[in-house]
Every structure is written in C-alpha cells, then in structure tokens.
C-alpha cells in the first residue's frame, strides 16, 4: 500500500505540489537512479536527481544541483503519515511544504468514502 501512495505522489505533482507541476520521467516509480527534469511554474525544466531512496518509504532529491526536500511515508495502524524534510539550505521551502501537506490532506479526505 505504501508503494502505491508513493506512486500517487510522484505522478500527481500538480494536484498537491504548489511549486512543482510535473516531473520527468512522470510515468515511472522513482528509484535511486532516477534523473530527469522538474516542471515549475516560473522555471523551465531544471534537472532533478534522486539522491536517497528507500522503496515505498522515502526519497530525497536535488533540483538544479541544490539539495531540496525529502519525502517520507510511514505506515501507521490508522493509515499513512507523510512528512517532508528540508535541509537548512532550503529553509524557504518550509512554507511550500506546509501548503503541500495541506493539499495532500484535502486530496485524501476527498478520496475516502
């Protein structure tokens, strides 16, 4: 189940990511070798590289050669917990991460019967 949550997050950037509209390759489950481009509202296709990956549980990446956020999904008895991690160099990303978490929460609330 966690793997499917990871896949949903990585193919539905536009639905939850305030600063990311899509990522290429968009149709694959990311892994430790994933490289591509990220599509952002004001920036055209900076390169992305997955820097750390634990299948179905965690990934972090660099965007445009700069350490960006980490994305963690933990299985809990009552569901899943999603956490973003930001290096100190990406402190400005914290407000964007908060907004993304709010969007993910709204998406999952709508998906539940």
Protein backbone atom coordinates (compact mmCIF):
# COMPACT_ATOMS: atom_id res chain seq x y z
CA UNK A 1 0.00 0.00 0.00
CA UNK A 2 2.80 2.45 0.81
CA UNK A 3 4.30 1.86 -2.63
CA UNK A 4 1.00 2.85 -4.24
CA UNK A 5 0.91 6.01 -2.11
CA UNK A 6 4.45 6.83 -3.26
CA UNK A 7 3.42 6.28 -6.88
CA UNK A 8 0.37 8.51 -6.48
CA UNK A 9 2.51 11.29 -5.05
CA UNK A 10 5.09 11.05 -7.82
CA UNK A 11 2.60 11.10 -10.71
CA UNK A 12 0.19 13.66 -9.29
CA UNK A 13 2.58 16.53 -8.58
CA UNK A 14 0.16 19.11 -9.95
CA UNK A 15 -2.59 18.06 -7.53
CA UNK A 16 -0.56 18.65 -4.38
CA UNK A 17 2.69 20.44 -5.21
CA UNK A 18 2.45 24.24 -5.06
CA UNK A 19 5.91 24.62 -6.61
CA UNK A 20 6.03 21.52 -8.84
CA UNK A 21 3.72 20.93 -11.77
CA UNK A 22 5.27 17.70 -13.05
CA UNK A 23 8.49 15.76 -13.16
CA UNK A 24 10.04 13.75 -15.95
CA UNK A 25 10.11 10.86 -16.12
CA UNK A 26 6.50 11.17 -15.00
CA UNK A 27 5.25 7.66 -15.70
CA UNK A 28 7.74 5.63 -13.66
CA UNK A 29 8.05 4.83 -9.99
CA UNK A 30 11.12 6.71 -8.82
CA UNK A 31 14.19 4.88 -7.56
CA UNK A 32 17.76 5.64 -6.55
CA UNK A 33 18.81 6.09 -10.19
CA UNK A 34 16.06 8.50 -11.26
CA UNK A 35 17.19 11.64 -13.03
CA UNK A 36 15.08 13.99 -15.10
CA UNK A 37 13.59 17.45 -15.07
CA UNK A 38 11.15 19.15 -12.77
CA UNK A 39 8.48 21.45 -14.20
CA UNK A 40 7.83 24.50 -12.04
CA UNK A 41 5.55 27.49 -12.62
CA UNK A 42 8.30 30.04 -13.16
CA UNK A 43 11.28 27.87 -14.04
CA UNK A 44 11.63 25.79 -17.18
CA UNK A 45 12.85 22.27 -16.54
CA UNK A 46 15.73 22.37 -14.06
CA UNK A 47 17.36 18.97 -13.64
CA UNK A 48 16.37 16.69 -10.80
CA UNK A 49 18.25 13.78 -9.29
CA UNK A 50 17.05 11.39 -6.61
CA UNK A 51 19.83 11.37 -4.01
CA UNK A 52 18.41 8.90 -1.49
CA UNK A 53 15.68 6.32 -1.95
CA UNK A 54 14.00 3.67 0.19
CA UNK A 55 11.35 1.88 -1.88
CA UNK A 56 7.86 2.97 -0.89
CA UNK A 57 9.11 4.84 2.18
CA UNK A 58 11.45 7.76 1.46
CA UNK A 59 13.07 9.78 -1.27
CA UNK A 60 15.08 12.97 -1.35
CA UNK A 61 16.28 14.90 -4.33
CA UNK A 62 18.40 17.68 -5.66
CA UNK A 63 16.85 20.21 -8.02
CA UNK A 64 19.16 22.28 -10.22
CA UNK A 65 22.12 20.84 -8.29
CA UNK A 66 20.80 22.10 -4.94
CA UNK A 67 19.65 19.83 -2.09
CA UNK A 68 15.87 20.03 -1.97
CA UNK A 69 13.26 18.23 0.10
CA UNK A 70 12.93 14.71 1.41
CA UNK A 71 9.57 12.93 1.30
CA UNK A 72 8.79 10.26 3.89
CA UNK A 73 5.78 7.95 4.05
CA UNK A 74 5.32 5.94 7.23
CA UNK A 75 2.75 3.17 7.60
CA UNK A 76 0.73 3.52 10.80
CA UNK A 77 -2.09 1.35 12.17
CA UNK A 78 -4.61 4.09 11.30
CA UNK A 79 -3.21 4.90 7.85
CA UNK A 80 -0.17 6.71 6.49
CA UNK A 81 1.86 9.67 7.73
CA UNK A 82 3.59 11.86 5.16
CA UNK A 83 6.49 14.02 6.27
CA UNK A 84 8.63 16.46 4.32
CA UNK A 85 12.20 17.14 5.30
CA UNK A 86 14.10 20.25 4.25
CA UNK A 87 17.83 20.89 4.60
CA UNK A 88 18.80 24.14 6.30
CA UNK A 89 19.77 25.50 2.88
CA UNK A 90 16.14 25.03 1.79
CA UNK A 91 14.57 26.79 4.77
CA UNK A 92 12.41 28.87 2.43
CA UNK A 93 10.77 25.63 1.25
CA UNK A 94 9.05 25.05 4.59
CA UNK A 95 6.03 27.23 3.76
CA UNK A 96 5.68 25.44 0.42
CA UNK A 97 5.94 22.06 2.19
CA UNK A 98 3.21 23.07 4.66
CA UNK A 99 0.94 24.02 1.78
CA UNK A 100 1.70 20.74 0.01
CA UNK A 101 0.82 18.74 3.13
CA UNK A 102 -2.47 20.64 3.40
CA UNK A 103 -3.24 19.76 -0.23
CA UNK A 104 -2.39 16.09 0.31
CA UNK A 105 -4.64 16.02 3.36
CA UNK A 106 -7.51 17.52 1.34
CA UNK A 107 -6.95 15.04 -1.51
CA UNK A 108 -7.03 12.06 0.82
CA UNK A 109 -10.11 13.36 2.63
CA UNK A 110 -11.95 13.59 -0.71
CA UNK A 111 -10.81 10.10 -1.69
CA UNK A 112 -12.20 8.50 1.46
CA UNK A 113 -15.84 7.37 1.42
